[in-house]
Amino acid sequence: MAKSESALTVGDLKRELKNWSDDSEIVFGGTMAGAELTFFRFKSRDEKVLQIELNEEFLGPGTYKVTIK
């Protein structure tokens, strides 16, 4: 799988995360529609590709939960 120009690498994450304590919370913000993004799981996509899957949770008039892959 080819790496895109804007790819986030494990090295990028390690450099940033070394500045944070082990009990620091990581948040993913939200969508334009107001849905919260939450961590779902890590998935190995290839020998050199780690996929981080998020859930989209919208708690409004109706409630839905969507897994983004």
Protein backbone atom coordinates (compact mmCIF):
# COMPACT_ATOMS: atom_id res chain seq x y z
CA MET A 1 0.00 0.00 0.00
CA ALA A 2 1.46 3.37 -1.01
CA LYS A 3 1.94 6.04 1.67
CA SER A 4 0.11 9.29 0.97
CA GLU A 5 1.83 12.67 1.36
CA SER A 6 -0.30 13.51 4.38
CA ALA A 7 0.13 10.10 6.04
CA LEU A 8 0.45 10.01 9.81
CA THR A 9 3.18 7.56 10.76
CA VAL A 10 3.80 5.54 13.93
CA GLY A 11 6.96 7.64 14.32
CA ASP A 12 4.86 10.84 14.27
CA LEU A 13 2.62 9.43 17.00
CA LYS A 14 5.54 8.23 19.12
CA ARG A 15 7.23 11.64 18.97
CA GLU A 16 4.06 13.38 20.12
CA LEU A 17 2.93 10.80 22.68
CA LYS A 18 6.28 10.72 24.52
CA ASN A 19 5.33 14.19 25.85
CA TRP A 20 2.15 12.88 27.49
CA SER A 21 1.62 10.79 30.62
CA ASP A 22 0.23 7.25 30.30
CA ASP A 23 -3.09 8.29 31.86
CA SER A 24 -3.70 11.22 29.47
CA GLU A 25 -6.95 10.87 27.53
CA ILE A 26 -6.95 11.03 23.73
CA VAL A 27 -10.02 12.58 22.10
CA PHE A 28 -10.86 12.71 18.39
CA GLY A 29 -13.16 15.71 18.25
CA GLY A 30 -16.38 15.53 16.30
CA THR A 31 -17.99 15.82 12.92
CA MET A 32 -19.60 18.84 11.29
CA ALA A 33 -22.97 17.28 12.12
CA GLY A 34 -22.14 17.31 15.83
CA ALA A 35 -21.40 13.61 16.22
CA GLU A 36 -18.65 12.55 18.63
CA LEU A 37 -15.82 10.36 17.30
CA THR A 38 -14.64 7.63 19.69
CA PHE A 39 -11.93 4.99 19.45
CA PHE A 40 -13.12 1.55 18.27
CA ARG A 41 -10.03 -0.57 17.59
CA PHE A 42 -6.64 -0.99 15.96
CA LYS A 43 -6.49 -3.18 12.86
CA SER A 44 -3.46 -4.36 10.90
CA ARG A 45 -4.11 -3.63 7.22
CA ASP A 46 -0.67 -4.57 5.92
CA GLU A 47 2.80 -5.23 7.28
CA LYS A 48 3.41 -1.46 7.38
CA VAL A 49 -0.14 -0.12 7.76
CA LEU A 50 -1.96 0.27 11.09
CA GLN A 51 -5.60 1.28 10.77
CA ILE A 52 -7.25 3.13 13.66
CA GLU A 53 -11.01 2.68 13.49
CA LEU A 54 -13.37 5.20 15.05
CA ASN A 55 -17.05 5.13 15.91
CA GLU A 56 -19.31 8.07 15.20
CA GLU A 57 -21.88 8.62 17.93
CA PHE A 58 -24.67 11.13 17.55
CA LEU A 59 -26.91 11.65 20.52
CA GLY A 60 -29.66 13.91 19.34
CA PRO A 61 -33.37 13.55 18.58
CA GLY A 62 -32.60 10.01 17.38
CA THR A 63 -29.59 7.98 18.47
CA TYR A 64 -27.32 6.16 16.06
CA LYS A 65 -23.88 4.65 16.08
CA VAL A 66 -21.79 4.19 12.91
CA THR A 67 -18.44 2.43 12.51
CA ILE A 68 -16.11 4.28 10.13
CA LYS A 69 -13.52 2.10 8.43
